[in-house]
C-alpha atoms as a PDB file:
ATOM      1  CA  UNK A   1      28.864  24.447   5.580  1.00  0.00           C
ATOM      2  CA  UNK A   2      27.247  20.448   5.114  1.00  0.00           C
ATOM      3  CA  UNK A   3      25.947  20.864   8.026  1.00  0.00           C
ATOM      4  CA  UNK A   4      23.986  23.948   8.577  1.00  0.00           C
ATOM      5  CA  UNK A   5      22.686  22.566   4.236  1.00  0.00           C
ATOM      6  CA  UNK A   6      21.303  19.436   6.046  1.00  0.00           C
ATOM      7  CA  UNK A   7      19.907  21.283   8.739  1.00  0.00           C
ATOM      8  CA  UNK A   8      18.218  23.993   7.684  1.00  0.00           C
ATOM      9  CA  UNK A   9      15.182  22.202   6.072  1.00  0.00           C
ATOM     10  CA  UNK A  10      14.638  20.643   9.986  1.00  0.00           C
ATOM     11  CA  UNK A  11      14.999  23.414  11.739  1.00  0.00           C
ATOM     12  CA  UNK A  12      12.028  25.184   9.018  1.00  0.00           C
ATOM     13  CA  UNK A  13       9.855  22.124   9.220  1.00  0.00           C
ATOM     14  CA  UNK A  14      10.019  22.451  12.747  1.00  0.00           C
ATOM     15  CA  UNK A  15       9.832  26.564  13.289  1.00  0.00           C
ATOM     16  CA  UNK A  16       6.804  26.758  11.321  1.00  0.00           C
ATOM     17  CA  UNK A  17       3.441  26.980  12.278  1.00  0.00           C
ATOM     18  CA  UNK A  18       1.193  26.912  10.218  1.00  0.00           C
ATOM     19  CA  UNK A  19      -0.864  23.825   9.681  1.00  0.00           C
ATOM     20  CA  UNK A  20      -0.599  21.342   6.237  1.00  0.00           C
ATOM     21  CA  UNK A  21      -4.307  20.015   7.152  1.00  0.00           C
ATOM     22  CA  UNK A  22      -7.262  20.302   9.707  1.00  0.00           C
ATOM     23  CA  UNK A  23      -8.782  18.579  11.979  1.00  0.00           C
ATOM     24  CA  UNK A  24     -11.434  18.297  10.011  1.00  0.00           C
ATOM     25  CA  UNK A  25      -9.684  17.168   7.168  1.00  0.00           C
ATOM     26  CA  UNK A  26      -7.922  13.878   9.741  1.00  0.00           C
ATOM     27  CA  UNK A  27     -12.105  13.686  10.970  1.00  0.00           C
ATOM     28  CA  UNK A  28     -13.206  12.964   7.484  1.00  0.00           C
ATOM     29  CA  UNK A  29     -10.259  10.560   6.395  1.00  0.00           C
ATOM     30  CA  UNK A  30     -11.264   8.806   9.728  1.00  0.00           C
ATOM     31  CA  UNK A  31     -14.532   8.510   8.731  1.00  0.00           C
ATOM     32  CA  UNK A  32     -13.232   7.427   5.219  1.00  0.00           C
ATOM     33  CA  UNK A  33     -11.664   4.578   7.009  1.00  0.00           C
ATOM     34  CA  UNK A  34     -14.251   3.784   9.422  1.00  0.00           C
ATOM     35  CA  UNK A  35     -11.936   4.723  12.824  1.00  0.00           C
ATOM     36  CA  UNK A  36     -13.470   6.186  15.608  1.00  0.00           C
ATOM     37  CA  UNK A  37     -10.583   8.921  17.253  1.00  0.00           C
ATOM     38  CA  UNK A  38     -10.431   9.909  19.964  1.00  0.00           C
ATOM     39  CA  UNK A  39     -10.248  13.821  20.185  1.00  0.00           C
ATOM     40  CA  UNK A  40      -6.232  13.290  21.489  1.00  0.00           C
ATOM     41  CA  UNK A  41      -6.107  11.050  19.094  1.00  0.00           C
ATOM     42  CA  UNK A  42      -7.107  13.526  16.200  1.00  0.00           C
ATOM     43  CA  UNK A  43      -4.678  16.573  17.650  1.00  0.00           C
ATOM     44  CA  UNK A  44      -1.563  13.821  17.818  1.00  0.00           C
ATOM     45  CA  UNK A  45      -2.975  12.371  13.718  1.00  0.00           C
ATOM     46  CA  UNK A  46      -2.983  16.029  12.799  1.00  0.00           C
ATOM     47  CA  UNK A  47       0.627  16.921  13.935  1.00  0.00           C
ATOM     48  CA  UNK A  48       1.844  14.016  12.659  1.00  0.00           C
ATOM     49  CA  UNK A  49       0.152  14.066   9.400  1.00  0.00           C
ATOM     50  CA  UNK A  50       1.359  17.712   8.797  1.00  0.00           C
ATOM     51  CA  UNK A  51       5.069  16.670   9.461  1.00  0.00           C
ATOM     52  CA  UNK A  52       4.042  14.597   7.204  1.00  0.00           C
ATOM     53  CA  UNK A  53       2.650  17.086   4.710  1.00  0.00           C
ATOM     54  CA  UNK A  54       5.150  19.518   5.795  1.00  0.00           C
ATOM     55  CA  UNK A  55       8.497  17.356   5.139  1.00  0.00           C
ATOM     56  CA  UNK A  56       7.009  16.364   1.142  1.00  0.00           C
ATOM     57  CA  UNK A  57       6.969  19.915   0.802  1.00  0.00           C
ATOM     58  CA  UNK A  58      10.813  20.208   1.497  1.00  0.00           C
ATOM     59  CA  UNK A  59      10.921  17.462  -0.528  1.00  0.00           C
ATOM     60  CA  UNK A  60       9.246  18.730  -3.855  1.00  0.00           C
ATOM     61  CA  UNK A  61      11.447  21.759  -3.463  1.00  0.00           C
ATOM     62  CA  UNK A  62      14.426  19.705  -5.018  1.00  0.00           C
ATOM     63  CA  UNK A  63      15.733  19.747  -8.766  1.00  0.00           C
ATOM     64  CA  UNK A  64      14.707  16.141 -10.192  1.00  0.00           C
ATOM     65  CA  UNK A  65      14.948  17.557 -14.099  1.00  0.00           C
ATOM     66  CA  UNK A  66      17.387  14.929 -14.634  1.00  0.00           C
ATOM     67  CA  UNK A  67      16.344  11.539 -12.546  1.00  0.00           C
ATOM     68  CA  UNK A  68      14.385   9.005 -14.460  1.00  0.00           C
ATOM     69  CA  UNK A  69      11.841   7.315 -12.638  1.00  0.00           C
ATOM     70  CA  UNK A  70      13.253   4.281 -11.282  1.00  0.00           C
ATOM     71  CA  UNK A  71      10.467   0.849 -11.145  1.00  0.00           C
ATOM     72  CA  UNK A  72      13.324  -0.714  -8.841  1.00  0.00           C
ATOM     73  CA  UNK A  73      16.296   1.020  -7.671  1.00  0.00           C
ATOM     74  CA  UNK A  74      18.092  -2.304  -8.421  1.00  0.00           C
ATOM     75  CA  UNK A  75      18.063  -3.800 -12.231  1.00  0.00           C
ATOM     76  CA  UNK A  76      16.363  -6.870 -11.826  1.00  0.00           C
ATOM     77  CA  UNK A  77      14.649  -8.670 -14.646  1.00  0.00           C
ATOM     78  CA  UNK A  78      12.342 -10.953 -13.981  1.00  0.00           C
ATOM     79  CA  UNK A  79      12.472 -15.038 -14.873  1.00  0.00           C
ATOM     80  CA  UNK A  80       9.425 -15.990 -15.615  1.00  0.00           C
ATOM     81  CA  UNK A  81       8.851 -19.086 -16.707  1.00  0.00           C
ATOM     82  CA  UNK A  82       6.600 -20.456 -20.158  1.00  0.00           C
ATOM     83  CA  UNK A  83       3.393 -20.927 -18.055  1.00  0.00           C
ATOM     84  CA  UNK A  84       2.576 -24.754 -19.972  1.00  0.00           C
ATOM     85  CA  UNK A  85       0.588 -27.241 -18.135  1.00  0.00           C
ATOM     86  CA  UNK A  86       3.869 -29.958 -17.561  1.00  0.00           C
ATOM     87  CA  UNK A  87       1.919 -32.645 -15.270  1.00  0.00           C
ATOM     88  CA  UNK A  88      -1.813 -32.709 -16.021  1.00  0.00           C
ATOM     89  CA  UNK A  89      -3.927 -35.075 -13.924  1.00  0.00           C
ATOM     90  CA  UNK A  90      -6.438 -37.643 -15.644  1.00  0.00           C
ATOM     91  CA  UNK A  91     -10.199 -37.099 -14.290  1.00  0.00           C
ATOM     92  CA  UNK A  92      -9.890 -40.887 -13.303  1.00  0.00           C
ATOM     93  CA  UNK A  93      -7.045 -40.039 -11.225  1.00  0.00           C
ATOM     94  CA  UNK A  94      -8.381 -37.299  -9.462  1.00  0.00           C
ATOM     95  CA  UNK A  95     -12.076 -38.766  -9.018  1.00  0.00           C
ATOM     96  CA  UNK A  96     -10.926 -41.625  -7.231  1.00  0.00           C
ATOM     97  CA  UNK A  97     -11.049 -40.306  -3.596  1.00  0.00           C
ATOM     98  CA  UNK A  98     -14.459 -38.155  -4.260  1.00  0.00           C
ATOM     99  CA  UNK A  99     -17.296 -39.533  -1.901  1.00  0.00           C
ATOM    100  CA  UNK A 100     -19.220 -39.470  -5.129  1.00  0.00           C
ATOM    101  CA  UNK A 101     -18.731 -38.230  -8.877  1.00  0.00           C
ATOM    102  CA  UNK A 102     -20.937 -38.626 -11.893  1.00  0.00           C
ATOM    103  CA  UNK A 103     -19.246 -39.524 -15.249  1.00  0.00           C
ATOM    104  CA  UNK A 104     -15.618 -36.722 -14.989  1.00  0.00           C
ATOM    105  CA  UNK A 105     -17.763 -35.152 -12.064  1.00  0.00           C
ATOM    106  CA  UNK A 106     -17.688 -34.313  -8.924  1.00  0.00           C
ATOM    107  CA  UNK A 107     -21.326 -35.176  -6.918  1.00  0.00           C
ATOM    108  CA  UNK A 108     -22.526 -32.728  -4.321  1.00  0.00           C
ATOM    109  CA  UNK A 109     -25.783 -32.057  -2.635  1.00  0.00           C
ATOM    110  CA  UNK A 110     -28.439 -30.617  -3.899  1.00  0.00           C
ATOM    111  CA  UNK A 111     -28.402 -27.287  -2.075  1.00  0.00           C
ATOM    112  CA  UNK A 112     -30.867 -24.437  -3.662  1.00  0.00           C
ATOM    113  CA  UNK A 113     -34.529 -25.745  -4.567  1.00  0.00           C
END
């Protein structure tokens, strides 16, 4: 009985012939993504995306009223440390190896006239 319960939705997806996504929609999404697809690729992607959408429709039939939304499957608490400076170098230390400096700034060649 359980096997039949699990297999029946899958068989319905395989036997279902009506397409939820069209070739034109696949071509439009490909154009938006700046992809050039051959006719065979459009056919293959249309079938693959249609199977995905059909499976999602099967998932939409599940009762989820009493299921709490999750952000993560495990209860994980972020262990962030306090954001504070612990090793602030001085300007002289930072500029010690600079090829050119002026006061407490790096001196670079002028690039805009």
